[in-house]
Amino acid sequence: GGWSVAAGGDAARSRQLEESALDPSELLKQKPVFDRSTEDRVRFRIYRRGTLEVRTTQEEGDDSKEDVGAVFEARAAAPPGDHHPVVKATEFVMIVDVGEAASEQMYRYFVVYETDLGDVSFTEKLGEGAASWEDNPVDMEERYACARVLRVTDCSGGGIIVGRLKQLHADGASSGLSSRRYA
């Protein structure tokens, strides 16, 4: 089959890019997230939207065509093992529009736990009262970009492990706590 590469930057542990057969034509109409030229006048671009990533090259010139080199779709990395220590907990808040008027907004609170290996676990209490837990979500960078940090705690010396947090999540998932109190 196909092949895969690690995503770059901070996403390297939390997602894998796998070859995709999806049509990249609509994505190529957007502004690239990476656009650089080499000394020999070859232009490299990366377009990204959601979980889709397209990498292209183009010879710089008046009539040169942009060639699609690869189309990838991001997939979440394997979840962290229950025995991995949690080294940091960060609470976030983000505004979510719930209606047409600007006054119809609500706040969502969520917590991100990071392990010693850079894996992340994301948890929040949704509006309908259900609590969610996701390991290494593919869209973590987008979530960070839309949210603000409320507080950060260094957990490296606390002996907290992923398995214990999952158990606490399962115990508190059905509680009547608000989104903010849950976080």
Protein backbone atom coordinates (compact mmCIF):
# COMPACT_ATOMS: atom_id res chain seq x y z
CA GLY A 1 0.00 0.00 0.00
CA GLY A 2 0.57 3.53 0.88
CA TRP A 3 3.22 5.23 2.87
CA SER A 4 3.23 7.65 5.75
CA VAL A 5 5.42 10.33 7.27
CA ALA A 6 5.42 12.05 10.62
CA ALA A 7 3.83 15.46 10.76
CA GLY A 8 6.27 18.28 11.42
CA GLY A 9 6.65 20.65 14.34
CA ASP A 10 4.82 20.10 17.62
CA ALA A 11 2.42 17.68 15.92
CA ALA A 12 5.14 15.10 15.29
CA ARG A 13 4.06 12.77 18.13
CA SER A 14 0.33 13.33 17.95
CA ARG A 15 -0.41 12.61 14.31
CA GLN A 16 0.76 10.66 11.29
CA LEU A 17 0.28 11.73 7.70
CA GLU A 18 -0.88 8.85 5.51
CA GLU A 19 -1.10 8.85 1.73
CA SER A 20 -4.63 9.75 0.58
CA ALA A 21 -6.61 9.38 -2.64
CA LEU A 22 -8.73 12.48 -1.89
CA ASP A 23 -8.98 15.17 -4.58
CA PRO A 24 -6.76 18.16 -3.64
CA SER A 25 -8.17 20.64 -6.21
CA GLU A 26 -10.25 22.73 -3.76
CA LEU A 27 -7.42 22.90 -1.25
CA LEU A 28 -5.01 24.29 -3.88
CA LYS A 29 -7.22 27.40 -4.18
CA GLN A 30 -6.38 28.39 -0.59
CA LYS A 31 -3.33 30.18 0.75
CA PRO A 32 -0.48 27.72 1.48
CA VAL A 33 0.80 27.29 5.04
CA PHE A 34 4.32 26.85 3.64
CA ASP A 35 5.66 28.61 0.53
CA ARG A 36 9.42 28.66 -0.11
CA SER A 37 11.70 28.72 -3.15
CA THR A 38 15.13 27.18 -3.53
CA GLU A 39 18.20 28.70 -5.17
CA ASP A 40 17.49 26.72 -8.34
CA ARG A 41 14.06 28.41 -8.58
CA VAL A 42 11.88 25.47 -7.50
CA ARG A 43 8.94 26.55 -5.36
CA PHE A 44 7.72 24.19 -2.60
CA ARG A 45 4.24 24.66 -1.08
CA ILE A 46 2.16 22.92 1.58
CA TYR A 47 -1.59 23.44 1.75
CA ARG A 48 -3.52 22.29 4.80
CA ARG A 49 -7.19 22.25 5.82
CA GLY A 50 -8.57 20.08 8.57
CA THR A 51 -6.97 16.66 8.25
CA LEU A 52 -5.95 17.06 4.59
CA GLU A 53 -2.44 18.16 3.55
CA VAL A 54 -1.18 18.66 -0.01
CA ARG A 55 2.50 19.15 -0.95
CA THR A 56 3.39 20.68 -4.32
CA THR A 57 6.37 21.86 -6.38
CA GLN A 58 6.55 24.36 -9.20
CA GLU A 59 9.35 25.50 -11.46
CA GLU A 60 9.38 29.28 -11.24
CA GLY A 61 8.51 30.74 -14.60
CA ASP A 62 5.72 32.33 -16.58
CA ASP A 63 3.89 29.20 -17.68
CA SER A 64 5.05 26.47 -15.28
CA LYS A 65 2.40 24.24 -13.74
CA GLU A 66 2.14 23.49 -10.04
CA ASP A 67 2.66 19.73 -9.62
CA VAL A 68 1.05 17.83 -6.76
CA GLY A 69 3.74 15.66 -5.21
CA ALA A 70 1.74 14.11 -2.38
CA VAL A 71 -1.68 14.19 -0.75
CA PHE A 72 -1.85 13.18 2.89
CA GLU A 73 -4.58 12.76 5.44
CA ALA A 74 -3.71 13.15 9.11
CA ARG A 75 -4.45 10.26 11.44
CA ALA A 76 -4.16 10.28 15.20
CA ALA A 77 -1.14 8.55 16.68
CA ALA A 78 -1.57 5.61 19.02
CA PRO A 79 -2.88 6.54 22.48
CA PRO A 80 -0.38 6.77 25.33
CA GLY A 81 -0.01 3.75 27.56
CA ASP A 82 -1.83 3.87 30.89
CA HIS A 83 1.52 3.63 32.72
CA HIS A 84 2.95 6.85 31.21
CA PRO A 85 3.45 9.72 33.67
CA VAL A 86 1.61 13.00 33.13
CA VAL A 87 4.05 15.93 33.25
CA LYS A 88 1.73 18.88 32.57
CA ALA A 89 -1.95 19.79 32.80
CA THR A 90 -3.29 22.88 31.02
CA GLU A 91 -6.81 24.29 31.32
CA PHE A 92 -8.18 26.20 28.32
CA VAL A 93 -11.27 28.24 27.51
CA MET A 94 -12.70 29.05 24.11
CA ILE A 95 -15.71 31.00 22.88
CA VAL A 96 -18.24 29.11 20.80
CA ASP A 97 -20.87 30.92 18.76
CA VAL A 98 -24.27 29.33 19.29
CA GLY A 99 -26.46 31.72 17.33
CA GLU A 100 -26.67 34.51 14.80
CA ALA A 101 -26.24 37.37 17.28
CA ALA A 102 -22.83 38.12 18.75
CA SER A 103 -24.39 37.95 22.21
CA GLU A 104 -25.29 34.29 21.67
CA GLN A 105 -21.94 32.87 22.70
CA MET A 106 -20.95 30.32 25.28
CA TYR A 107 -17.66 29.24 26.75
CA ARG A 108 -16.15 25.77 26.47
CA TYR A 109 -13.57 24.67 29.00
CA PHE A 110 -11.20 21.79 28.41
CA VAL A 111 -8.05 20.29 29.87
CA VAL A 112 -5.06 18.90 28.02
CA TYR A 113 -2.75 16.46 29.81
CA GLU A 114 0.75 15.93 28.39
CA THR A 115 2.87 12.84 29.04
CA ASP A 116 6.61 12.45 29.33
CA LEU A 117 6.71 11.35 25.66
CA GLY A 118 4.75 14.34 24.33
CA ASP A 119 1.43 12.53 23.92
CA VAL A 120 -1.67 14.54 24.80
CA SER A 121 -5.04 13.58 26.24
CA PHE A 122 -7.93 16.00 25.79
CA THR A 123 -11.03 16.06 28.00
CA GLU A 124 -14.04 18.33 28.28
CA LYS A 125 -17.64 18.26 29.41
CA LEU A 126 -19.94 18.90 26.48
CA GLY A 127 -23.07 21.05 26.60
CA GLU A 128 -25.45 18.10 26.87
CA GLY A 129 -23.61 16.86 29.96
CA ALA A 130 -21.51 14.08 28.45
CA ALA A 131 -17.77 14.17 29.08
CA SER A 132 -15.32 13.39 26.31
CA TRP A 133 -11.80 11.95 26.37
CA GLU A 134 -9.54 11.89 23.30
CA ASP A 135 -5.95 10.74 23.04
CA ASN A 136 -3.70 12.53 20.55
CA PRO A 137 -6.49 14.31 18.62
CA VAL A 138 -5.51 15.15 15.05
CA ASP A 139 -6.86 18.71 15.30
CA MET A 140 -5.04 19.67 18.50
CA GLU A 141 -3.15 22.55 16.84
CA GLU A 142 -6.45 24.10 15.69
CA ARG A 143 -7.91 23.73 19.19
CA TYR A 144 -4.88 25.46 20.70
CA ALA A 145 -5.21 28.28 18.17
CA CYS A 146 -8.87 28.94 19.07
CA ALA A 147 -8.44 28.79 22.85
CA ARG A 148 -6.81 30.72 25.67
CA VAL A 149 -4.82 29.23 28.53
CA LEU A 150 -6.39 29.73 31.96
CA ARG A 151 -3.79 27.88 34.02
CA VAL A 152 -0.92 25.42 33.74
CA THR A 153 0.25 22.92 36.34
CA ASP A 154 3.58 21.08 36.38
CA CYS A 155 2.71 17.47 37.26
CA SER A 156 6.17 15.98 36.68
CA GLY A 157 6.80 15.14 40.34
CA GLY A 158 3.26 14.14 41.26
CA GLY A 159 3.27 10.49 40.24
CA ILE A 160 0.12 10.94 38.14
CA ILE A 161 -0.25 8.41 35.32
CA VAL A 162 -2.55 8.34 32.30
CA GLY A 163 -4.49 5.30 33.55
CA ARG A 164 -5.45 7.07 36.78
CA LEU A 165 -6.71 10.12 34.87
CA LYS A 166 -8.79 7.90 32.59
CA GLN A 167 -10.35 6.30 35.67
CA LEU A 168 -11.14 9.72 37.17
CA HIS A 169 -12.67 10.74 33.84
CA ALA A 170 -14.86 7.64 33.78
CA ASP A 171 -15.97 8.28 37.38
CA GLY A 172 -16.75 11.99 36.75
CA ALA A 173 -18.21 11.67 33.24
CA SER A 174 -21.77 11.28 34.48
CA SER A 175 -21.56 13.86 37.27
CA GLY A 176 -23.75 16.96 37.20
CA LEU A 177 -20.77 19.30 37.08
CA SER A 178 -20.75 22.21 34.65
CA SER A 179 -18.19 22.35 31.85
CA ARG A 180 -16.05 24.80 33.81
CA ARG A 181 -16.14 22.83 37.09
CA TYR A 182 -15.41 19.58 35.24
CA ALA A 183 -12.31 21.13 33.65
